[in-house]
N, C-alpha and C. Protein backbone atom coordinates (compact mmCIF):
# COMPACT_ATOMS: atom_id res chain seq x y z
N MET A 1 30.22 33.85 11.16
CA MET A 1 29.91 33.25 9.87
C MET A 1 29.65 31.87 9.85
N SER A 2 29.06 31.13 8.81
CA SER A 2 28.30 29.66 9.01
C SER A 2 29.62 28.82 8.23
N SER A 3 30.33 27.54 9.01
CA SER A 3 31.41 26.85 8.35
C SER A 3 30.96 26.45 6.97
N ALA A 4 32.16 25.72 6.56
CA ALA A 4 31.82 25.25 5.05
C ALA A 4 30.85 23.65 5.00
N SER A 5 30.96 23.26 6.10
CA SER A 5 30.24 22.15 6.64
C SER A 5 28.76 22.53 6.83
N GLU A 6 28.96 23.82 7.18
CA GLU A 6 27.35 24.41 7.09
C GLU A 6 26.67 24.28 6.09
N ARG A 7 27.56 25.28 5.35
CA ARG A 7 26.83 25.88 4.29
C ARG A 7 26.95 24.55 3.26
N GLU A 8 27.29 23.25 3.40
CA GLU A 8 27.01 21.81 2.36
C GLU A 8 26.11 21.30 2.59
N ALA A 9 26.10 21.48 4.06
CA ALA A 9 24.66 20.93 4.63
C ALA A 9 23.05 21.79 4.22
N ALA A 10 23.50 23.06 3.98
CA ALA A 10 21.89 24.30 4.22
C ALA A 10 21.91 23.86 2.41
N ALA A 11 22.68 23.53 1.73
CA ALA A 11 22.85 23.05 0.04
C ALA A 11 21.80 22.02 -0.14
N ASP A 12 22.45 20.84 0.62
CA ASP A 12 21.83 19.82 0.45
C ASP A 12 20.16 19.80 1.04
N VAL A 13 20.17 20.37 1.60
CA VAL A 13 19.04 20.71 1.70
C VAL A 13 17.76 21.34 0.99
N LYS A 14 18.35 22.15 0.53
CA LYS A 14 18.00 22.91 -0.48
C LYS A 14 17.84 22.07 -1.77
N THR A 15 18.81 21.41 -2.12
CA THR A 15 18.79 20.79 -3.48
C THR A 15 17.79 19.79 -3.30
N ALA A 16 17.44 19.10 -2.24
CA ALA A 16 16.81 17.92 -1.76
C ALA A 16 15.40 17.81 -1.81
N THR A 17 14.69 19.69 -2.33
CA THR A 17 13.82 20.19 -2.42
C THR A 17 13.38 20.19 -3.45
N GLU A 18 14.06 20.41 -4.62
CA GLU A 18 14.36 21.07 -6.08
C GLU A 18 14.13 19.72 -7.19
N ALA A 19 13.95 19.85 -8.35
CA ALA A 19 14.51 18.77 -9.05
C ALA A 19 15.47 19.66 -9.86
N ALA A 20 16.45 18.68 -10.71
CA ALA A 20 17.58 18.94 -10.96
C ALA A 20 16.70 19.41 -12.62
N PRO A 21 17.36 20.20 -13.27
CA PRO A 21 17.28 20.83 -14.58
C PRO A 21 16.78 19.38 -15.32
N ASN A 22 17.61 18.32 -15.80
CA ASN A 22 16.95 17.35 -16.19
C ASN A 22 15.99 16.53 -15.47
N GLY A 23 15.06 16.80 -14.54
CA GLY A 23 14.10 16.37 -14.62
C GLY A 23 14.65 15.30 -12.97
N GLU A 24 15.64 15.06 -12.43
CA GLU A 24 16.12 14.60 -11.59
C GLU A 24 15.88 15.04 -10.06
N HIS A 25 14.82 14.08 -9.19
CA HIS A 25 14.57 14.31 -8.10
C HIS A 25 15.32 14.51 -6.97
N GLY A 26 15.84 15.21 -6.05
CA GLY A 26 16.74 15.50 -5.03
C GLY A 26 16.01 15.14 -3.68
N SER A 27 15.07 14.47 -3.43
CA SER A 27 14.54 14.51 -2.18
C SER A 27 15.20 13.49 -2.01
N TRP A 28 15.15 12.89 -0.33
CA TRP A 28 16.06 12.23 0.52
C TRP A 28 15.65 10.62 -0.37
N THR A 29 14.37 10.42 -0.11
CA THR A 29 14.46 9.29 -0.95
C THR A 29 13.97 9.12 -2.12
N HIS A 30 14.18 9.98 -3.28
CA HIS A 30 14.71 9.90 -4.31
C HIS A 30 16.39 9.67 -4.76
N ARG A 31 17.08 9.81 -3.61
CA ARG A 31 18.22 9.20 -3.58
C ARG A 31 19.03 8.33 -2.90
N LEU A 32 18.21 7.88 -2.17
CA LEU A 32 18.05 6.09 -1.61
C LEU A 32 17.57 5.53 -2.54
N ALA A 33 16.77 5.70 -3.47
CA ALA A 33 16.30 4.81 -4.26
C ALA A 33 16.99 4.85 -5.40
N ARG A 34 18.05 6.01 -5.81
CA ARG A 34 18.87 6.03 -6.82
C ARG A 34 20.07 5.04 -6.52
N ARG A 35 20.99 5.20 -5.65
CA ARG A 35 21.67 3.86 -5.41
C ARG A 35 21.31 2.90 -5.30
N ALA A 36 20.01 2.69 -5.01
CA ALA A 36 19.61 1.29 -4.73
C ALA A 36 19.05 0.50 -6.37
N VAL A 37 19.02 1.26 -6.87
CA VAL A 37 18.86 0.98 -8.77
C VAL A 37 20.03 0.47 -9.39
N ARG A 38 21.32 1.63 -8.85
CA ARG A 38 22.14 1.90 -9.60
C ARG A 38 22.94 0.60 -9.97
N PRO A 39 23.07 -0.79 -9.13
CA PRO A 39 23.13 -1.85 -9.42
C PRO A 39 22.78 -2.37 -10.91
N LEU A 40 21.35 -2.10 -10.74
CA LEU A 40 20.67 -2.75 -11.89
C LEU A 40 21.04 -1.84 -13.55
N LEU A 41 21.80 -0.98 -13.64
CA LEU A 41 22.13 -0.82 -14.70
C LEU A 41 22.67 -1.66 -15.56
N GLY A 42 22.54 -1.73 -17.01
CA GLY A 42 22.87 -2.29 -17.34
C GLY A 42 22.61 -4.23 -17.30
N THR A 43 21.48 -4.26 -16.60
CA THR A 43 20.76 -5.93 -16.27
C THR A 43 19.63 -5.78 -17.11
N PRO A 44 19.02 -6.74 -17.26
CA PRO A 44 17.56 -7.07 -18.11
C PRO A 44 16.14 -6.23 -17.41
N VAL A 45 16.63 -5.97 -16.56
CA VAL A 45 15.30 -5.30 -15.03
C VAL A 45 15.31 -3.78 -15.77
N THR A 46 14.01 -3.59 -16.27
CA THR A 46 13.80 -2.22 -16.88
C THR A 46 12.85 -1.81 -15.62
N PRO A 47 12.55 -0.18 -15.85
CA PRO A 47 11.63 0.37 -15.15
C PRO A 47 10.16 -0.10 -14.87
N ASN A 48 9.97 -0.64 -16.16
CA ASN A 48 8.41 -1.20 -15.97
C ASN A 48 8.45 -2.65 -15.51
N HIS A 49 9.31 -2.95 -15.43
CA HIS A 49 9.40 -3.93 -13.96
C HIS A 49 9.37 -3.62 -12.77
N LEU A 50 10.16 -2.84 -12.27
CA LEU A 50 9.81 -2.21 -11.23
C LEU A 50 8.26 -1.55 -10.90
N THR A 51 7.78 -0.63 -11.89
CA THR A 51 6.43 -0.35 -11.67
C THR A 51 5.18 -1.62 -11.75
N THR A 52 5.61 -3.03 -12.46
CA THR A 52 4.77 -3.69 -12.08
C THR A 52 4.62 -4.44 -10.51
N LEU A 53 5.97 -4.68 -10.49
CA LEU A 53 6.59 -4.71 -8.97
C LEU A 53 5.92 -3.81 -7.63
N ARG A 54 5.78 -2.42 -8.10
CA ARG A 54 5.04 -1.89 -7.23
C ARG A 54 3.55 -1.73 -7.34
N LEU A 55 2.95 -2.27 -8.28
CA LEU A 55 1.68 -2.51 -8.17
C LEU A 55 1.31 -3.55 -7.60
N VAL A 56 1.74 -4.77 -8.12
CA VAL A 56 1.50 -6.10 -7.52
C VAL A 56 1.68 -5.90 -5.74
N THR A 57 2.97 -5.35 -5.36
CA THR A 57 2.86 -4.99 -3.76
C THR A 57 1.93 -4.34 -2.97
N GLY A 58 1.53 -3.39 -3.90
CA GLY A 58 0.57 -2.35 -3.68
C GLY A 58 -0.85 -3.34 -3.53
N LEU A 59 -0.72 -3.98 -4.49
CA LEU A 59 -2.41 -4.67 -4.56
C LEU A 59 -2.73 -5.73 -3.41
N MET A 60 -1.45 -6.12 -3.08
CA MET A 60 -1.08 -7.48 -1.70
C MET A 60 -1.55 -6.55 -0.77
N ALA A 61 -0.91 -5.08 -0.51
CA ALA A 61 -1.21 -4.66 0.85
C ALA A 61 -2.76 -4.01 0.84
N CYS A 62 -3.47 -3.71 -0.38
CA CYS A 62 -4.49 -3.32 0.02
C CYS A 62 -5.41 -4.24 -0.15
N ALA A 63 -4.90 -5.66 -0.40
CA ALA A 63 -6.07 -6.79 -0.36
C ALA A 63 -5.88 -7.17 1.18
N LEU A 64 -4.72 -7.11 1.79
CA LEU A 64 -4.53 -7.34 3.25
C LEU A 64 -5.38 -5.99 4.34
N PHE A 65 -5.56 -5.11 3.72
CA PHE A 65 -5.85 -4.23 4.85
C PHE A 65 -7.59 -4.53 4.94
N THR A 66 -7.99 -5.19 3.80
CA THR A 66 -9.44 -5.76 3.92
C THR A 66 -9.77 -6.15 4.86
N PHE A 67 -8.62 -7.45 5.28
CA PHE A 67 -9.26 -8.48 6.44
C PHE A 67 -9.81 -7.61 7.83
N GLY A 68 -9.02 -6.45 8.26
CA GLY A 68 -8.98 -5.84 9.24
C GLY A 68 -9.00 -6.21 10.27
N ASP A 69 -7.90 -6.95 10.28
CA ASP A 69 -7.24 -7.54 11.34
C ASP A 69 -5.75 -7.02 11.77
N TYR A 70 -5.06 -7.30 12.74
CA TYR A 70 -4.07 -6.54 13.31
C TYR A 70 -2.82 -7.11 12.39
N ALA A 71 -2.86 -8.65 12.65
CA ALA A 71 -1.77 -9.29 11.60
C ALA A 71 -1.64 -8.93 10.11
N ALA A 72 -2.98 -8.64 9.36
CA ALA A 72 -3.54 -8.60 7.93
C ALA A 72 -2.42 -6.59 7.96
N ASP A 73 -3.27 -6.32 8.82
CA ASP A 73 -2.75 -4.61 8.58
C ASP A 73 -1.30 -4.43 8.91
N PHE A 74 -0.45 -5.46 9.64
CA PHE A 74 0.82 -5.05 9.66
C PHE A 74 1.60 -5.71 8.75
N TRP A 75 1.21 -7.18 8.04
CA TRP A 75 1.89 -7.20 6.63
C TRP A 75 1.51 -6.20 5.72
N GLY A 76 0.63 -5.94 5.79
CA GLY A 76 -0.36 -5.01 4.70
C GLY A 76 0.77 -3.80 4.92
N GLY A 77 1.19 -3.24 6.10
CA GLY A 77 1.80 -2.22 5.99
C GLY A 77 3.27 -2.33 5.62
N ILE A 78 3.92 -3.56 5.81
CA ILE A 78 4.99 -3.81 5.16
C ILE A 78 5.13 -3.64 3.74
N LEU A 79 3.87 -4.39 3.30
CA LEU A 79 4.05 -4.35 1.79
C LEU A 79 3.88 -3.02 1.41
N TRP A 80 3.03 -2.24 1.93
CA TRP A 80 2.89 -0.65 1.37
C TRP A 80 4.26 0.07 1.48
N VAL A 81 5.16 -0.11 2.50
CA VAL A 81 6.15 0.85 2.74
C VAL A 81 7.16 0.10 1.26
N VAL A 82 7.46 -1.07 0.94
CA VAL A 82 8.05 -1.72 -0.03
C VAL A 82 7.56 -1.21 -1.19
N SER A 83 6.16 -1.10 -1.88
CA SER A 83 5.82 -0.53 -2.77
C SER A 83 5.75 0.93 -3.11
N ALA A 84 5.91 1.63 -1.89
CA ALA A 84 6.01 3.11 -2.16
C ALA A 84 7.70 3.51 -2.43
N PHE A 85 8.57 2.33 -1.84
CA PHE A 85 9.87 2.68 -2.05
C PHE A 85 9.64 2.32 -3.76
N LEU A 86 9.13 1.22 -3.95
CA LEU A 86 9.22 0.94 -5.42
C LEU A 86 8.41 1.82 -6.23
N ASP A 87 7.51 2.81 -5.69
CA ASP A 87 7.20 3.88 -6.91
C ASP A 87 8.72 4.95 -7.22
N ARG A 88 9.36 4.97 -6.06
CA ARG A 88 10.67 6.13 -6.56
C ARG A 88 11.62 5.23 -7.25
N ALA A 89 12.15 4.03 -6.81
CA ALA A 89 12.90 3.30 -7.84
C ALA A 89 12.67 3.64 -9.26
N ASP A 90 11.15 2.87 -9.69
CA ASP A 90 10.98 2.82 -11.10
C ASP A 90 11.50 4.04 -11.86
N GLY A 91 11.04 5.21 -11.27
CA GLY A 91 11.44 6.86 -11.79
C GLY A 91 12.75 6.66 -12.00
N GLU A 92 13.54 6.39 -10.78
CA GLU A 92 15.03 6.79 -11.00
C GLU A 92 16.00 5.78 -11.54
N LEU A 93 15.54 4.47 -11.73
CA LEU A 93 16.18 4.03 -12.98
C LEU A 93 15.97 4.28 -14.38
N ALA A 94 14.77 4.79 -14.57
CA ALA A 94 14.46 5.68 -15.69
C ALA A 94 15.65 6.65 -16.01
N ARG A 95 15.31 7.33 -15.05
CA ARG A 95 16.02 8.32 -15.46
C ARG A 95 17.93 8.49 -15.42
N ILE A 96 18.22 7.68 -14.46
CA ILE A 96 20.10 7.43 -14.68
C ILE A 96 19.92 6.48 -15.95
N GLY A 97 19.06 5.67 -16.27
CA GLY A 97 19.88 4.76 -17.27
C GLY A 97 18.96 4.85 -18.60
N GLY A 98 18.75 6.39 -18.57
CA GLY A 98 17.85 6.78 -19.87
C GLY A 98 16.92 6.56 -20.47
N LYS A 99 16.19 5.60 -20.13
CA LYS A 99 15.40 5.07 -20.60
C LYS A 99 13.85 5.74 -20.17
N THR A 100 13.70 6.93 -19.65
CA THR A 100 12.07 7.49 -20.01
C THR A 100 11.60 7.32 -21.18
N THR A 101 10.34 7.17 -21.03
CA THR A 101 9.47 7.25 -22.13
C THR A 101 8.14 7.51 -21.67
N SER A 102 7.02 8.04 -22.70
CA SER A 102 5.74 8.31 -22.44
C SER A 102 4.68 7.71 -21.75
N TRP A 103 5.19 6.48 -22.71
CA TRP A 103 4.30 4.91 -22.22
C TRP A 103 4.67 4.72 -20.58
N GLY A 104 5.83 4.73 -20.47
CA GLY A 104 6.58 3.90 -18.91
C GLY A 104 6.07 5.29 -17.84
N HIS A 105 5.67 6.37 -18.23
CA HIS A 105 5.18 7.73 -17.18
C HIS A 105 3.62 7.59 -17.11
N ALA A 106 3.30 7.03 -18.05
CA ALA A 106 1.47 6.87 -18.09
C ALA A 106 1.23 5.37 -17.43
N TYR A 107 2.13 4.50 -17.87
CA TYR A 107 1.88 3.38 -16.91
C TYR A 107 2.21 3.50 -15.22
N ASP A 108 3.14 4.37 -15.15
CA ASP A 108 3.88 4.13 -13.70
C ASP A 108 2.38 5.36 -13.28
N TYR A 109 1.83 6.60 -13.68
CA TYR A 109 1.18 7.40 -13.43
C TYR A 109 -0.12 6.31 -12.79
N ALA A 110 -0.60 5.84 -14.00
CA ALA A 110 -1.75 4.83 -13.63
C ALA A 110 -1.68 3.83 -12.39
N CYS A 111 -0.50 3.37 -12.25
CA CYS A 111 -0.43 2.45 -11.04
C CYS A 111 -0.70 2.91 -9.69
N ASP A 112 0.28 4.13 -9.62
CA ASP A 112 0.19 4.85 -8.71
C ASP A 112 -0.96 5.61 -8.27
N THR A 113 -2.02 6.19 -9.44
CA THR A 113 -3.11 6.58 -9.09
C THR A 113 -4.38 5.85 -8.38
N LEU A 114 -4.29 4.28 -9.22
CA LEU A 114 -4.77 2.68 -8.87
C LEU A 114 -4.53 2.26 -7.41
N VAL A 115 -3.02 2.15 -7.54
CA VAL A 115 -2.88 1.71 -5.79
C VAL A 115 -2.98 2.37 -4.38
N ASN A 116 -3.10 4.14 -4.70
CA ASN A 116 -2.87 4.96 -3.44
C ASN A 116 -4.61 5.41 -3.20
N ALA A 117 -5.42 5.19 -4.14
CA ALA A 117 -6.86 5.05 -4.12
C ALA A 117 -7.72 4.07 -3.65
N LEU A 118 -6.91 3.00 -4.13
CA LEU A 118 -7.25 1.38 -3.30
C LEU A 118 -7.13 1.11 -2.05
N PHE A 119 -5.99 1.97 -1.50
CA PHE A 119 -5.80 1.78 -0.35
C PHE A 119 -6.95 2.35 0.81
N PHE A 120 -7.50 3.60 0.62
CA PHE A 120 -8.25 4.05 1.31
C PHE A 120 -9.86 2.98 1.50
N ILE A 121 -9.68 2.41 -0.40
CA ILE A 121 -10.94 2.00 -0.11
C ILE A 121 -11.14 0.78 0.73
N ALA A 122 -9.56 0.12 0.34
CA ALA A 122 -9.79 -1.02 1.19
C ALA A 122 -9.53 -1.21 2.73
N VAL A 123 -9.02 -0.20 3.29
CA VAL A 123 -9.28 0.09 4.68
C VAL A 123 -10.20 0.48 4.90
N GLY A 124 -11.35 1.16 4.32
CA GLY A 124 -12.56 1.55 4.66
C GLY A 124 -13.38 -0.27 4.61
N ILE A 125 -13.14 -0.74 4.14
CA ILE A 125 -13.83 -2.34 3.89
C ILE A 125 -13.14 -3.11 5.21
N GLY A 126 -11.93 -2.77 5.40
CA GLY A 126 -11.46 -3.23 6.77
C GLY A 126 -12.01 -2.61 7.95
N LEU A 127 -12.26 -2.04 7.67
CA LEU A 127 -12.87 -1.09 9.29
C LEU A 127 -14.42 -1.19 9.20
N ARG A 128 -15.15 -1.67 8.22
CA ARG A 128 -16.70 -1.93 8.39
C ARG A 128 -17.05 -2.14 9.67
N ASP A 129 -16.57 -3.13 10.17
CA ASP A 129 -17.09 -3.91 11.47
C ASP A 129 -16.79 -3.30 12.83
N GLY A 130 -16.30 -2.05 12.60
CA GLY A 130 -15.77 -1.30 13.59
C GLY A 130 -16.60 -0.36 14.03
N GLY A 131 -16.05 0.76 14.24
CA GLY A 131 -17.11 1.77 15.41
C GLY A 131 -17.56 2.69 14.22
N LEU A 132 -17.11 2.57 12.99
CA LEU A 132 -17.54 3.37 12.13
C LEU A 132 -18.29 2.72 11.29
N GLY A 133 -18.63 1.27 11.26
CA GLY A 133 -19.46 0.59 10.58
C GLY A 133 -19.55 0.81 8.98
N ASP A 134 -20.25 0.39 8.59
CA ASP A 134 -20.39 1.16 6.80
C ASP A 134 -20.16 2.32 6.57
N TYR A 135 -20.24 3.29 7.51
CA TYR A 135 -19.69 4.52 6.79
C TYR A 135 -18.06 4.28 6.44
N ALA A 136 -17.45 3.43 6.95
CA ALA A 136 -16.08 3.33 6.63
C ALA A 136 -15.41 2.95 5.31
N ILE A 137 -16.78 2.84 4.86
CA ILE A 137 -16.85 1.92 3.49
C ILE A 137 -16.63 3.48 2.65
N VAL A 138 -17.74 4.51 2.94
CA VAL A 138 -18.26 5.63 2.47
C VAL A 138 -17.02 6.60 2.57
N LEU A 139 -16.48 6.45 3.32
CA LEU A 139 -15.18 7.20 4.14
C LEU A 139 -14.50 6.62 3.15
N GLY A 140 -13.72 5.82 2.79
CA GLY A 140 -13.02 5.39 1.88
C GLY A 140 -12.93 5.39 0.04
N VAL A 141 -14.18 5.33 0.41
CA VAL A 141 -14.54 5.90 -1.17
C VAL A 141 -14.36 7.34 -1.59
N LEU A 142 -14.20 7.98 -0.71
CA LEU A 142 -14.57 9.50 -0.65
C LEU A 142 -12.80 9.95 -0.83
N GLY A 143 -11.90 9.38 -0.10
CA GLY A 143 -10.72 9.35 -0.01
C GLY A 143 -10.09 8.87 -0.95
N GLY A 144 -10.47 7.81 -1.87
CA GLY A 144 -9.54 7.00 -3.01
C GLY A 144 -10.27 8.16 -4.10
N GLY A 145 -11.64 8.37 -3.92
CA GLY A 145 -11.94 9.46 -5.29
C GLY A 145 -11.03 10.68 -4.94
N GLY A 146 -10.88 11.27 -3.83
CA GLY A 146 -10.33 12.45 -3.86
C GLY A 146 -8.91 12.18 -4.24
N ILE A 147 -8.15 10.96 -4.28
CA ILE A 147 -6.86 10.95 -4.93
C ILE A 147 -6.90 10.95 -6.61
N VAL A 148 -8.22 10.26 -6.61
CA VAL A 148 -8.06 9.89 -8.21
C VAL A 148 -8.16 11.49 -9.22
N VAL A 149 -9.25 11.94 -8.43
CA VAL A 149 -9.32 13.51 -8.91
C VAL A 149 -8.43 14.52 -9.11
N SER A 150 -7.60 14.34 -7.93
CA SER A 150 -6.78 15.25 -7.48
C SER A 150 -5.25 14.90 -7.83
N ASN A 151 -4.90 13.48 -8.39
CA ASN A 151 -4.02 12.83 -9.45
C ASN A 151 -4.15 13.77 -10.90
N ILE A 152 -5.36 13.28 -11.38
CA ILE A 152 -6.02 13.74 -12.43
C ILE A 152 -5.61 15.36 -13.04
N LEU A 153 -6.20 16.05 -11.68
CA LEU A 153 -5.62 17.51 -11.96
C LEU A 153 -3.94 17.87 -11.85
N SER A 154 -3.50 16.87 -11.24
CA SER A 154 -2.08 17.25 -10.94
C SER A 154 -1.45 16.99 -12.30
N GLU A 155 -1.69 15.88 -12.62
CA GLU A 155 -0.75 15.58 -13.86
C GLU A 155 -1.38 16.63 -14.86
N ALA A 156 -2.42 17.18 -15.02
CA ALA A 156 -2.76 17.80 -16.19
C ALA A 156 -2.13 19.48 -15.87
N PHE A 157 -1.92 19.86 -14.44
CA PHE A 157 -1.25 20.92 -13.72
C PHE A 157 0.11 20.77 -14.19
N GLU A 158 1.12 19.56 -13.95
CA GLU A 158 2.17 19.36 -14.25
C GLU A 158 3.00 19.31 -15.68
N ARG A 159 1.78 19.06 -16.63
CA ARG A 159 2.07 18.87 -18.07
C ARG A 159 2.31 19.88 -18.60
N ARG A 160 1.91 21.00 -18.20
CA ARG A 160 1.99 22.62 -18.37
C ARG A 160 3.34 23.35 -18.12
N LEU A 161 3.70 22.54 -17.07
CA LEU A 161 4.85 23.51 -16.72
C LEU A 161 6.32 23.09 -16.92
N ALA A 162 7.39 23.52 -16.76
CA ALA A 162 8.77 23.05 -17.29
C ALA A 162 8.92 21.42 -16.44
N SER A 163 9.69 21.07 -17.52
CA SER A 163 9.85 19.35 -16.75
C SER A 163 10.62 19.84 -15.58
N GLY A 164 10.43 18.42 -14.41
CA GLY A 164 10.58 18.27 -13.35
C GLY A 164 10.07 19.49 -12.28
N LYS A 165 9.00 20.38 -12.67
CA LYS A 165 8.29 21.01 -11.72
C LYS A 165 6.99 20.59 -11.34
N ARG A 166 6.71 20.65 -9.69
CA ARG A 166 5.97 19.52 -9.27
C ARG A 166 4.64 20.94 -8.77
N ILE A 167 3.20 20.28 -8.70
CA ILE A 167 2.86 21.11 -8.53
C ILE A 167 2.42 21.09 -6.62
N TYR A 168 3.17 20.51 -6.22
CA TYR A 168 2.94 20.79 -4.90
C TYR A 168 4.64 20.46 -4.37
N ASN A 169 5.32 21.36 -4.09
CA ASN A 169 6.87 21.62 -3.19
C ASN A 169 6.90 20.95 -1.76
N GLY A 170 7.88 19.99 -2.12
CA GLY A 170 7.98 19.44 -0.22
C GLY A 170 8.64 20.41 0.37
N GLY A 171 9.87 20.02 1.35
CA GLY A 171 10.20 21.02 1.79
C GLY A 171 11.54 19.85 2.71
N GLY A 172 12.68 20.38 3.45
CA GLY A 172 13.78 19.66 4.17
C GLY A 172 14.00 18.40 3.87
N GLY A 173 14.13 18.25 2.30
CA GLY A 173 14.82 17.10 1.82
C GLY A 173 13.42 15.89 1.50
N PHE A 174 12.27 16.46 1.68
CA PHE A 174 11.08 15.53 1.49
C PHE A 174 10.04 15.99 0.34
N ASP A 175 9.54 15.41 -0.45
CA ASP A 175 8.41 15.60 -1.55
C ASP A 175 7.59 15.70 -0.50
N PHE A 176 6.00 16.28 -1.04
CA PHE A 176 5.02 15.97 -0.34
C PHE A 176 4.64 14.69 -0.72
N ASP A 177 4.24 14.10 -1.60
CA ASP A 177 3.89 12.71 -1.31
C ASP A 177 4.71 11.50 -0.79
N ASP A 178 6.06 11.70 -0.16
CA ASP A 178 6.79 11.22 0.69
C ASP A 178 5.48 10.63 1.87
N LEU A 179 4.86 11.69 2.72
CA LEU A 179 3.50 11.31 3.53
C LEU A 179 2.93 9.70 3.05
N LEU A 180 2.95 9.46 1.88
CA LEU A 180 2.54 8.07 1.93
C LEU A 180 3.02 7.00 2.40
N TYR A 181 4.54 6.94 2.84
CA TYR A 181 5.32 6.34 3.25
C TYR A 181 4.60 6.08 4.97
N LEU A 182 4.62 7.08 5.46
CA LEU A 182 3.60 7.25 6.79
C LEU A 182 2.55 6.34 7.14
N LEU A 183 1.77 6.05 5.70
CA LEU A 183 0.86 5.09 5.97
C LEU A 183 1.01 3.46 6.52
N GLY A 184 2.27 3.02 6.16
CA GLY A 184 2.61 1.91 6.75
C GLY A 184 2.83 1.61 8.07
N PRO A 185 3.63 2.74 8.65
CA PRO A 185 3.53 3.13 10.18
C PRO A 185 1.71 3.14 11.15
N ALA A 186 0.90 3.91 10.23
CA ALA A 186 0.09 3.80 10.56
C ALA A 186 -0.68 2.55 10.98
N ALA A 187 -0.77 1.29 9.97
CA ALA A 187 -1.18 0.47 10.21
C ALA A 187 -0.64 -0.37 11.33
N TRP A 188 1.05 -0.05 11.44
CA TRP A 188 1.78 -0.99 12.50
C TRP A 188 0.79 -0.77 13.63
N LEU A 189 0.61 0.70 13.82
CA LEU A 189 0.27 1.29 15.04
C LEU A 189 -1.48 0.98 15.34
N GLY A 190 -2.23 0.64 14.50
CA GLY A 190 -3.50 0.89 14.73
C GLY A 190 -4.49 2.00 14.59
N TRP A 191 -3.62 2.76 13.70
CA TRP A 191 -4.00 4.18 13.29
C TRP A 191 -4.98 4.67 12.32
N LEU A 192 -5.29 3.22 11.25
CA LEU A 192 -5.75 3.30 10.44
C LEU A 192 -6.94 4.03 10.44
N ALA A 193 -8.44 4.07 11.32
CA ALA A 193 -9.39 4.51 11.58
C ALA A 193 -8.94 5.94 11.25
N PRO A 194 -8.68 6.72 12.19
CA PRO A 194 -8.17 8.03 12.27
C PRO A 194 -7.36 8.69 11.07
N ILE A 195 -6.58 7.97 10.37
CA ILE A 195 -6.17 8.14 8.83
C ILE A 195 -7.16 8.26 7.90
N LEU A 196 -8.47 7.17 7.88
CA LEU A 196 -9.58 7.13 6.97
C LEU A 196 -10.33 8.25 7.06
N VAL A 197 -10.44 8.96 8.17
CA VAL A 197 -11.19 9.73 8.54
C VAL A 197 -10.90 11.39 8.49
N GLY A 198 -9.24 11.09 8.48
CA GLY A 198 -8.82 12.27 7.61
C GLY A 198 -8.85 12.37 6.19
N ALA A 199 -8.33 11.35 5.45
CA ALA A 199 -8.21 11.35 4.19
C ALA A 199 -9.58 11.45 3.27
N SER A 200 -11.01 11.38 4.26
CA SER A 200 -11.86 11.59 3.29
C SER A 200 -12.25 12.88 3.16
N ILE A 201 -11.97 13.75 4.39
CA ILE A 201 -11.88 15.07 4.54
C ILE A 201 -10.55 15.57 3.79
N GLY A 202 -9.57 15.32 3.95
CA GLY A 202 -8.18 15.91 3.26
C GLY A 202 -7.85 15.68 1.56
N ALA A 203 -8.51 14.45 1.07
CA ALA A 203 -8.47 14.08 -0.45
C ALA A 203 -8.97 15.03 -1.30
N PRO A 204 -10.19 14.99 -1.02
CA PRO A 204 -11.24 16.00 -1.54
C PRO A 204 -11.22 17.57 -1.73
N VAL A 205 -10.48 17.81 -0.21
CA VAL A 205 -10.00 19.40 -0.52
C VAL A 205 -8.92 19.78 -0.96
N MET A 206 -7.74 18.27 -1.42
CA MET A 206 -6.50 18.28 -2.06
C MET A 206 -6.93 18.56 -3.65
N ALA A 207 -8.01 18.02 -3.91
CA ALA A 207 -8.72 18.01 -5.60
C ALA A 207 -9.22 19.19 -5.48
N LEU A 208 -9.94 20.00 -4.58
CA LEU A 208 -10.14 21.32 -4.72
C LEU A 208 -9.15 22.39 -5.15
N ILE A 209 -8.40 21.92 -4.15
CA ILE A 209 -6.53 23.09 -4.14
C ILE A 209 -6.43 22.75 -5.55
N SER A 210 -6.38 21.87 -6.04
CA SER A 210 -5.84 21.09 -7.39
C SER A 210 -6.15 21.71 -8.35
N TRP A 211 -7.46 21.49 -8.52
CA TRP A 211 -8.70 22.44 -9.93
C TRP A 211 -8.27 23.78 -9.83
N LEU A 212 -8.18 24.37 -8.53
CA LEU A 212 -8.28 25.80 -8.17
C LEU A 212 -6.68 26.30 -9.12
N LYS A 213 -5.51 25.37 -8.78
CA LYS A 213 -3.99 26.04 -8.90
C LYS A 213 -4.33 25.77 -10.73
N LEU A 214 -4.85 24.61 -11.09
CA LEU A 214 -4.87 24.34 -12.59
C LEU A 214 -6.05 25.30 -13.17
N HIS A 215 -6.69 26.05 -12.53
CA HIS A 215 -7.87 27.12 -13.14
C HIS A 215 -6.81 28.29 -13.43
N ARG A 216 -6.51 28.53 -12.14
CA ARG A 216 -5.64 29.95 -12.04
C ARG A 216 -4.62 29.85 -13.16
N LEU A 217 -3.97 28.46 -13.38
CA LEU A 217 -2.72 28.48 -14.63
C LEU A 217 -3.06 28.71 -15.63
N SER A 218 -4.62 27.78 -15.73
CA SER A 218 -4.94 27.98 -17.44
C SER A 218 -5.68 29.61 -17.48
N ALA A 219 -5.94 30.44 -16.67
CA ALA A 219 -6.57 31.72 -16.74
C ALA A 219 -5.37 32.95 -16.63
N ASP A 220 -4.14 32.49 -16.14
CA ASP A 220 -3.06 33.36 -16.08
C ASP A 220 -2.34 33.30 -17.56
N ARG A 221 -2.54 32.44 -18.34
CA ARG A 221 -2.17 32.06 -19.63
C ARG A 221 -2.47 32.07 -20.69
N THR A 222 -4.02 32.51 -20.51
CA THR A 222 -4.94 33.04 -21.26
C THR A 222 -4.88 34.84 -21.55
N THR A 223 -4.15 35.53 -20.64
CA THR A 223 -4.27 36.82 -20.28
C THR A 223 -2.95 37.40 -20.63
């Protein structure tokens, strides 16, 4: 029979992959962000301030990736991880501070879609003088375009579900989009080329899967 501590650990892993009824996320990165933003409660700092900072750091990271050299990629990777964490922080501050708004959600969604898509386009520009040549830009557009379409379809899907439900569930205490954190270390390790090739295939495939999920959900609701 499992000990009490083992049962508690298992419960933590379970809750870390599910959204609470009030829409609160339980992944490890959301929990860390929740602790980080708690001191901001009662201050003039708003969730939209953090979203704007997420946008600025993300755009700065993308700008660095266009240079295509290791130093720029290294600092771009750092800014990217910071930007990804701020993407968690803004939502957590809105939830625990009771400042969730439809406009704030739309602003966050637009910033996420823009920054995540531009990452792959910027990497493609930066790699155009390498072995991929000008095809790197094409691959970047495929990856970025797939991100945009997938995000639009995912948003449409989640709007039709109960609050807090996601189109793609995570596991082991991680959300599906926590994969974005790995793009920073990939830049530090010089792995952006294979990441770009993979994204040029994976992002359009995810867009197709998202469309199939949305189509199936729409069909189920009309029957």
